[in-house]
Amino acid sequence: MNANKISKQITVFTIGFIGFLSLLGIVGKSDYNQEVIYNMTETAYNVIVDSLGEGCSDTQIVKTYLNNKEYYDSLSW
């Protein structure tokens, strides 16, 4: 009976730990996206959003920007 209780505690702890690490990954990705968007020019941001559409996510914006960084950094209006 005692071994069963310990096994359940270990399982709950493991699930909680994995959940915690997952949340850290999500928050870290969100912070990274916000930092990249904050540091890009307004022109680059507007061109990317216009090409992707209004409903695009921050991750899509960052991915598009980083794939063509030299081009978007060269834009200036």
PDB file of N, CA and C in Angstrom:
ATOM      1  N   MET A   1       0.828  -1.191   0.000  1.00  0.00           N
ATOM      2  CA  MET A   1       0.000   0.000   0.000  1.00  0.00           C
ATOM      3  C   MET A   1       0.873   1.256   0.000  1.00  0.00           C
ATOM      4  N   ASN A   2       1.923   1.270   0.801  1.00  0.00           N
ATOM      5  CA  ASN A   2       2.805   2.424   0.898  1.00  0.00           C
ATOM      6  C   ASN A   2       3.549   2.657  -0.420  1.00  0.00           C
ATOM      7  N   ALA A   3       3.966   1.591  -1.077  1.00  0.00           N
ATOM      8  CA  ALA A   3       4.662   1.716  -2.358  1.00  0.00           C
ATOM      9  C   ALA A   3       3.734   2.298  -3.417  1.00  0.00           C
ATOM     10  N   ASN A   4       2.461   1.960  -3.361  1.00  0.00           N
ATOM     11  CA  ASN A   4       1.485   2.483  -4.305  1.00  0.00           C
ATOM     12  C   ASN A   4       1.309   3.989  -4.117  1.00  0.00           C
ATOM     13  N   LYS A   5       1.288   4.440  -2.874  1.00  0.00           N
ATOM     14  CA  LYS A   5       1.142   5.868  -2.573  1.00  0.00           C
ATOM     15  C   LYS A   5       2.362   6.648  -3.071  1.00  0.00           C
ATOM     16  N   ILE A   6       3.536   6.096  -2.844  1.00  0.00           N
ATOM     17  CA  ILE A   6       4.768   6.743  -3.299  1.00  0.00           C
ATOM     18  C   ILE A   6       4.796   6.799  -4.825  1.00  0.00           C
ATOM     19  N   SER A   7       4.361   5.747  -5.469  1.00  0.00           N
ATOM     20  CA  SER A   7       4.317   5.713  -6.929  1.00  0.00           C
ATOM     21  C   SER A   7       3.390   6.800  -7.471  1.00  0.00           C
ATOM     22  N   LYS A   8       2.236   6.979  -6.846  1.00  0.00           N
ATOM     23  CA  LYS A   8       1.303   8.030  -7.271  1.00  0.00           C
ATOM     24  C   LYS A   8       1.911   9.412  -7.065  1.00  0.00           C
ATOM     25  N   GLN A   9       2.609   9.607  -5.951  1.00  0.00           N
ATOM     26  CA  GLN A   9       3.237  10.896  -5.677  1.00  0.00           C
ATOM     27  C   GLN A   9       4.313  11.206  -6.712  1.00  0.00           C
ATOM     28  N   ILE A  10       5.088  10.203  -7.058  1.00  0.00           N
ATOM     29  CA  ILE A  10       6.133  10.398  -8.069  1.00  0.00           C
ATOM     30  C   ILE A  10       5.502  10.732  -9.417  1.00  0.00           C
ATOM     31  N   THR A  11       4.418  10.061  -9.762  1.00  0.00           N
ATOM     32  CA  THR A  11       3.727  10.325 -11.028  1.00  0.00           C
ATOM     33  C   THR A  11       3.180  11.744 -11.065  1.00  0.00           C
ATOM     34  N   VAL A  12       2.533  12.173  -9.978  1.00  0.00           N
ATOM     35  CA  VAL A  12       1.978  13.527  -9.915  1.00  0.00           C
ATOM     36  C   VAL A  12       3.096  14.560  -9.991  1.00  0.00           C
ATOM     37  N   PHE A  13       4.196  14.322  -9.277  1.00  0.00           N
ATOM     38  CA  PHE A  13       5.326  15.243  -9.313  1.00  0.00           C
ATOM     39  C   PHE A  13       5.897  15.338 -10.725  1.00  0.00           C
ATOM     40  N   THR A  14       6.054  14.212 -11.391  1.00  0.00           N
ATOM     41  CA  THR A  14       6.610  14.190 -12.745  1.00  0.00           C
ATOM     42  C   THR A  14       5.716  14.947 -13.719  1.00  0.00           C
ATOM     43  N   ILE A  15       4.417  14.717 -13.636  1.00  0.00           N
ATOM     44  CA  ILE A  15       3.479  15.427 -14.513  1.00  0.00           C
ATOM     45  C   ILE A  15       3.523  16.928 -14.238  1.00  0.00           C
ATOM     46  N   GLY A  16       3.564  17.306 -12.968  1.00  0.00           N
ATOM     47  CA  GLY A  16       3.653  18.724 -12.608  1.00  0.00           C
ATOM     48  C   GLY A  16       4.934  19.359 -13.112  1.00  0.00           C
ATOM     49  N   PHE A  17       6.038  18.642 -12.990  1.00  0.00           N
ATOM     50  CA  PHE A  17       7.329  19.159 -13.435  1.00  0.00           C
ATOM     51  C   PHE A  17       7.351  19.347 -14.950  1.00  0.00           C
ATOM     52  N   ILE A  18       6.820  18.380 -15.676  1.00  0.00           N
ATOM     53  CA  ILE A  18       6.751  18.495 -17.136  1.00  0.00           C
ATOM     54  C   ILE A  18       5.855  19.664 -17.535  1.00  0.00           C
ATOM     55  N   GLY A  19       4.732  19.830 -16.844  1.00  0.00           N
ATOM     56  CA  GLY A  19       3.843  20.967 -17.108  1.00  0.00           C
ATOM     57  C   GLY A  19       4.536  22.292 -16.857  1.00  0.00           C
ATOM     58  N   PHE A  20       5.298  22.364 -15.768  1.00  0.00           N
ATOM     59  CA  PHE A  20       6.033  23.584 -15.435  1.00  0.00           C
ATOM     60  C   PHE A  20       7.057  23.918 -16.515  1.00  0.00           C
ATOM     61  N   LEU A  21       7.800  22.923 -16.955  1.00  0.00           N
ATOM     62  CA  LEU A  21       8.796  23.155 -18.009  1.00  0.00           C
ATOM     63  C   LEU A  21       8.134  23.578 -19.317  1.00  0.00           C
ATOM     64  N   SER A  22       6.981  23.010 -19.606  1.00  0.00           N
ATOM     65  CA  SER A  22       6.246  23.400 -20.815  1.00  0.00           C
ATOM     66  C   SER A  22       5.830  24.860 -20.751  1.00  0.00           C
ATOM     67  N   LEU A  23       5.337  25.283 -19.600  1.00  0.00           N
ATOM     68  CA  LEU A  23       4.951  26.688 -19.437  1.00  0.00           C
ATOM     69  C   LEU A  23       6.149  27.614 -19.588  1.00  0.00           C
ATOM     70  N   LEU A  24       7.286  27.218 -19.043  1.00  0.00           N
ATOM     71  CA  LEU A  24       8.493  28.033 -19.211  1.00  0.00           C
ATOM     72  C   LEU A  24       8.862  28.168 -20.685  1.00  0.00           C
ATOM     73  N   GLY A  25       8.727  27.093 -21.437  1.00  0.00           N
ATOM     74  CA  GLY A  25       9.023  27.140 -22.870  1.00  0.00           C
ATOM     75  C   GLY A  25       8.089  28.064 -23.616  1.00  0.00           C
ATOM     76  N   ILE A  26       6.809  28.018 -23.281  1.00  0.00           N
ATOM     77  CA  ILE A  26       5.823  28.882 -23.939  1.00  0.00           C
ATOM     78  C   ILE A  26       6.096  30.340 -23.619  1.00  0.00           C
ATOM     79  N   VAL A  27       6.358  30.637 -22.358  1.00  0.00           N
ATOM     80  CA  VAL A  27       6.627  32.019 -21.950  1.00  0.00           C
ATOM     81  C   VAL A  27       7.915  32.520 -22.593  1.00  0.00           C
ATOM     82  N   GLY A  28       8.931  31.680 -22.648  1.00  0.00           N
ATOM     83  CA  GLY A  28      10.196  32.070 -23.265  1.00  0.00           C
ATOM     84  C   GLY A  28      10.041  32.371 -24.743  1.00  0.00           C
ATOM     85  N   LYS A  29       9.266  31.568 -25.439  1.00  0.00           N
ATOM     86  CA  LYS A  29       9.030  31.792 -26.870  1.00  0.00           C
ATOM     87  C   LYS A  29       8.282  33.097 -27.090  1.00  0.00           C
ATOM     88  N   SER A  30       7.298  33.354 -26.244  1.00  0.00           N
ATOM     89  CA  SER A  30       6.519  34.586 -26.351  1.00  0.00           C
ATOM     90  C   SER A  30       7.404  35.808 -26.107  1.00  0.00           C
ATOM     91  N   ASP A  31       8.257  35.746 -25.091  1.00  0.00           N
ATOM     92  CA  ASP A  31       9.177  36.853 -24.813  1.00  0.00           C
ATOM     93  C   ASP A  31      10.131  37.079 -25.977  1.00  0.00           C
ATOM     94  N   TYR A  32      10.639  35.996 -26.553  1.00  0.00           N
ATOM     95  CA  TYR A  32      11.548  36.099 -27.691  1.00  0.00           C
ATOM     96  C   TYR A  32      10.854  36.776 -28.867  1.00  0.00           C
ATOM     97  N   ASN A  33       9.625  36.336 -29.165  1.00  0.00           N
ATOM     98  CA  ASN A  33       8.873  36.934 -30.269  1.00  0.00           C
ATOM     99  C   ASN A  33       8.663  38.422 -30.037  1.00  0.00           C
ATOM    100  N   GLN A  34       8.278  38.804 -28.838  1.00  0.00           N
ATOM    101  CA  GLN A  34       8.042  40.212 -28.534  1.00  0.00           C
ATOM    102  C   GLN A  34       9.327  41.032 -28.668  1.00  0.00           C
ATOM    103  N   GLU A  35      10.445  40.464 -28.259  1.00  0.00           N
ATOM    104  CA  GLU A  35      11.716  41.182 -28.369  1.00  0.00           C
ATOM    105  C   GLU A  35      12.103  41.402 -29.833  1.00  0.00           C
ATOM    106  N   VAL A  36      11.935  40.388 -30.666  1.00  0.00           N
ATOM    107  CA  VAL A  36      12.257  40.522 -32.093  1.00  0.00           C
ATOM    108  C   VAL A  36      11.345  41.559 -32.737  1.00  0.00           C
ATOM    109  N   ILE A  37      10.049  41.494 -32.449  1.00  0.00           N
ATOM    110  CA  ILE A  37       9.099  42.448 -33.029  1.00  0.00           C
ATOM    111  C   ILE A  37       9.400  43.862 -32.550  1.00  0.00           C
ATOM    112  N   TYR A  38       9.742  44.023 -31.279  1.00  0.00           N
ATOM    113  CA  TYR A  38      10.052  45.340 -30.728  1.00  0.00           C
ATOM    114  C   TYR A  38      11.268  45.954 -31.426  1.00  0.00           C
ATOM    115  N   ASN A  39      12.235  45.123 -31.799  1.00  0.00           N
ATOM    116  CA  ASN A  39      13.474  45.631 -32.385  1.00  0.00           C
ATOM    117  C   ASN A  39      13.433  45.776 -33.904  1.00  0.00           C
ATOM    118  N   MET A  40      12.376  45.296 -34.569  1.00  0.00           N
ATOM    119  CA  MET A  40      12.305  45.483 -36.019  1.00  0.00           C
ATOM    120  C   MET A  40      11.713  46.855 -36.333  1.00  0.00           C
ATOM    121  N   THR A  41      11.998  47.340 -37.524  1.00  0.00           N
ATOM    122  CA  THR A  41      11.471  48.651 -37.901  1.00  0.00           C
ATOM    123  C   THR A  41       9.963  48.574 -38.101  1.00  0.00           C
ATOM    124  N   GLU A  42       9.319  49.712 -37.944  1.00  0.00           N
ATOM    125  CA  GLU A  42       7.870  49.767 -38.131  1.00  0.00           C
ATOM    126  C   GLU A  42       7.501  49.432 -39.575  1.00  0.00           C
ATOM    127  N   THR A  43       8.341  49.877 -40.506  1.00  0.00           N
ATOM    128  CA  THR A  43       8.095  49.583 -41.918  1.00  0.00           C
ATOM    129  C   THR A  43       8.143  48.080 -42.169  1.00  0.00           C
ATOM    130  N   ALA A  44       9.159  47.420 -41.635  1.00  0.00           N
ATOM    131  CA  ALA A  44       9.275  45.969 -41.811  1.00  0.00           C
ATOM    132  C   ALA A  44       8.063  45.270 -41.212  1.00  0.00           C
ATOM    133  N   TYR A  45       7.662  45.688 -40.020  1.00  0.00           N
ATOM    134  CA  TYR A  45       6.495  45.085 -39.365  1.00  0.00           C
ATOM    135  C   TYR A  45       5.247  45.249 -40.229  1.00  0.00           C
ATOM    136  N   ASN A  46       5.021  46.457 -40.727  1.00  0.00           N
ATOM    137  CA  ASN A  46       3.824  46.715 -41.533  1.00  0.00           C
ATOM    138  C   ASN A  46       3.822  45.921 -42.837  1.00  0.00           C
ATOM    139  N   VAL A  47       4.977  45.822 -43.492  1.00  0.00           N
ATOM    140  CA  VAL A  47       5.070  45.064 -44.746  1.00  0.00           C
ATOM    141  C   VAL A  47       4.787  43.583 -44.487  1.00  0.00           C
ATOM    142  N   ILE A  48       5.336  43.050 -43.412  1.00  0.00           N
ATOM    143  CA  ILE A  48       5.124  41.635 -43.088  1.00  0.00           C
ATOM    144  C   ILE A  48       3.657  41.371 -42.759  1.00  0.00           C
ATOM    145  N   VAL A  49       3.056  42.230 -41.934  1.00  0.00           N
ATOM    146  CA  VAL A  49       1.648  42.038 -41.565  1.00  0.00           C
ATOM    147  C   VAL A  49       0.756  42.172 -42.793  1.00  0.00           C
ATOM    148  N   ASP A  50       1.077  43.111 -43.680  1.00  0.00           N
ATOM    149  CA  ASP A  50       0.296  43.254 -44.914  1.00  0.00           C
ATOM    150  C   ASP A  50       0.393  42.004 -45.784  1.00  0.00           C
ATOM    151  N   SER A  51       1.578  41.405 -45.841  1.00  0.00           N
ATOM    152  CA  SER A  51       1.742  40.222 -46.688  1.00  0.00           C
ATOM    153  C   SER A  51       1.123  38.971 -46.061  1.00  0.00           C
ATOM    154  N   LEU A  52       1.153  38.864 -44.735  1.00  0.00           N
ATOM    155  CA  LEU A  52       0.601  37.680 -44.067  1.00  0.00           C
ATOM    156  C   LEU A  52      -0.890  37.805 -43.791  1.00  0.00           C
ATOM    157  N   GLY A  53      -1.367  39.021 -43.660  1.00  0.00           N
ATOM    158  CA  GLY A  53      -2.775  39.232 -43.319  1.00  0.00           C
ATOM    159  C   GLY A  53      -2.918  39.658 -41.866  1.00  0.00           C
ATOM    160  N   GLU A  54      -4.010  40.325 -41.575  1.00  0.00           N
ATOM    161  CA  GLU A  54      -4.218  40.896 -40.240  1.00  0.00           C
ATOM    162  C   GLU A  54      -4.252  39.863 -39.116  1.00  0.00           C
ATOM    163  N   GLY A  55      -4.683  38.648 -39.392  1.00  0.00           N
ATOM    164  CA  GLY A  55      -4.825  37.650 -38.336  1.00  0.00           C
ATOM    165  C   GLY A  55      -3.567  36.851 -38.046  1.00  0.00           C
ATOM    166  N   CYS A  56      -2.420  37.293 -38.546  1.00  0.00           N
ATOM    167  CA  CYS A  56      -1.198  36.514 -38.376  1.00  0.00           C
ATOM    168  C   CYS A  56      -0.708  36.562 -36.929  1.00  0.00           C
ATOM    169  N   SER A  57       0.006  35.533 -36.538  1.00  0.00           N
ATOM    170  CA  SER A  57       0.517  35.453 -35.170  1.00  0.00           C
ATOM    171  C   SER A  57       1.901  36.093 -35.087  1.00  0.00           C
ATOM    172  N   ASP A  58       2.312  36.385 -33.855  1.00  0.00           N
ATOM    173  CA  ASP A  58       3.649  36.931 -33.637  1.00  0.00           C
ATOM    174  C   ASP A  58       4.715  35.951 -34.124  1.00  0.00           C
ATOM    175  N   THR A  59       4.483  34.671 -33.937  1.00  0.00           N
ATOM    176  CA  THR A  59       5.444  33.659 -34.384  1.00  0.00           C
ATOM    177  C   THR A  59       5.604  33.691 -35.897  1.00  0.00           C
ATOM    178  N   GLN A  60       4.510  33.852 -36.629  1.00  0.00           N
ATOM    179  CA  GLN A  60       4.588  33.946 -38.091  1.00  0.00           C
ATOM    180  C   GLN A  60       5.350  35.196 -38.505  1.00  0.00           C
ATOM    181  N   ILE A  61       5.106  36.303 -37.826  1.00  0.00           N
ATOM    182  CA  ILE A  61       5.798  37.553 -38.142  1.00  0.00           C
ATOM    183  C   ILE A  61       7.293  37.389 -37.922  1.00  0.00           C
ATOM    184  N   VAL A  62       7.674  36.831 -36.780  1.00  0.00           N
ATOM    185  CA  VAL A  62       9.091  36.660 -36.452  1.00  0.00           C
ATOM    186  C   VAL A  62       9.756  35.703 -37.435  1.00  0.00           C
ATOM    187  N   LYS A  63       9.098  34.608 -37.763  1.00  0.00           N
ATOM    188  CA  LYS A  63       9.669  33.633 -38.696  1.00  0.00           C
ATOM    189  C   LYS A  63       9.892  34.267 -40.069  1.00  0.00           C
ATOM    190  N   THR A  64       8.909  35.024 -40.553  1.00  0.00           N
ATOM    191  CA  THR A  64       9.033  35.692 -41.848  1.00  0.00           C
ATOM    192  C   THR A  64      10.158  36.717 -41.815  1.00  0.00           C
ATOM    193  N   TYR A  65      10.223  37.489 -40.753  1.00  0.00           N
ATOM    194  CA  TYR A  65      11.256  38.516 -40.617  1.00  0.00           C
ATOM    195  C   TYR A  65      12.653  37.892 -40.602  1.00  0.00           C
ATOM    196  N   LEU A  66      12.843  36.864 -39.795  1.00  0.00           N
ATOM    197  CA  LEU A  66      14.174  36.266 -39.670  1.00  0.00           C
ATOM    198  C   LEU A  66      14.599  35.528 -40.935  1.00  0.00           C
ATOM    199  N   ASN A  67      13.641  34.980 -41.688  1.00  0.00           N
ATOM    200  CA  ASN A  67      13.983  34.310 -42.947  1.00  0.00           C
ATOM    201  C   ASN A  67      14.462  35.293 -44.009  1.00  0.00           C
ATOM    202  N   ASN A  68      14.037  36.558 -43.917  1.00  0.00           N
ATOM    203  CA  ASN A  68      14.402  37.585 -44.907  1.00  0.00           C
ATOM    204  C   ASN A  68      14.887  38.853 -44.208  1.00  0.00           C
ATOM    205  N   LYS A  69      15.678  38.689 -43.164  1.00  0.00           N
ATOM    206  CA  LYS A  69      16.079  39.811 -42.312  1.00  0.00           C
ATOM    207  C   LYS A  69      16.781  40.923 -43.087  1.00  0.00           C
ATOM    208  N   GLU A  70      17.697  40.567 -43.957  1.00  0.00           N
ATOM    209  CA  GLU A  70      18.431  41.593 -44.707  1.00  0.00           C
ATOM    210  C   GLU A  70      17.488  42.436 -45.552  1.00  0.00           C
ATOM    211  N   TYR A  71      16.537  41.789 -46.202  1.00  0.00           N
ATOM    212  CA  TYR A  71      15.571  42.517 -47.032  1.00  0.00           C
ATOM    213  C   TYR A  71      14.736  43.468 -46.176  1.00  0.00           C
ATOM    214  N   TYR A  72      14.168  42.966 -45.093  1.00  0.00           N
ATOM    215  CA  TYR A  72      13.290  43.798 -44.265  1.00  0.00           C
ATOM    216  C   TYR A  72      14.060  44.911 -43.556  1.00  0.00           C
ATOM    217  N   ASP A  73      15.319  44.655 -43.198  1.00  0.00           N
ATOM    218  CA  ASP A  73      16.127  45.710 -42.580  1.00  0.00           C
ATOM    219  C   ASP A  73      16.500  46.795 -43.583  1.00  0.00           C
ATOM    220  N   SER A  74      16.521  46.453 -44.875  1.00  0.00           N
ATOM    221  CA  SER A  74      16.887  47.448 -45.887  1.00  0.00           C
ATOM    222  C   SER A  74      15.721  48.359 -46.257  1.00  0.00           C
ATOM    223  N   LEU A  75      14.506  47.979 -45.880  1.00  0.00           N
ATOM    224  CA  LEU A  75      13.339  48.809 -46.192  1.00  0.00           C
ATOM    225  C   LEU A  75      13.342  50.059 -45.318  1.00  0.00           C
ATOM    226  N   SER A  76      13.115  51.193 -45.952  1.00  0.00           N
ATOM    227  CA  SER A  76      12.951  52.430 -45.170  1.00  0.00           C
ATOM    228  C   SER A  76      12.077  53.377 -45.958  1.00  0.00           C
ATOM    229  N   TRP A  77      11.026  53.823 -45.319  1.00  0.00           N
ATOM    230  CA  TRP A  77      10.115  54.763 -45.964  1.00  0.00           C
ATOM    231  C   TRP A  77      10.000  55.971 -45.094  1.00  0.00           C
TER     232      TRP A  77
END
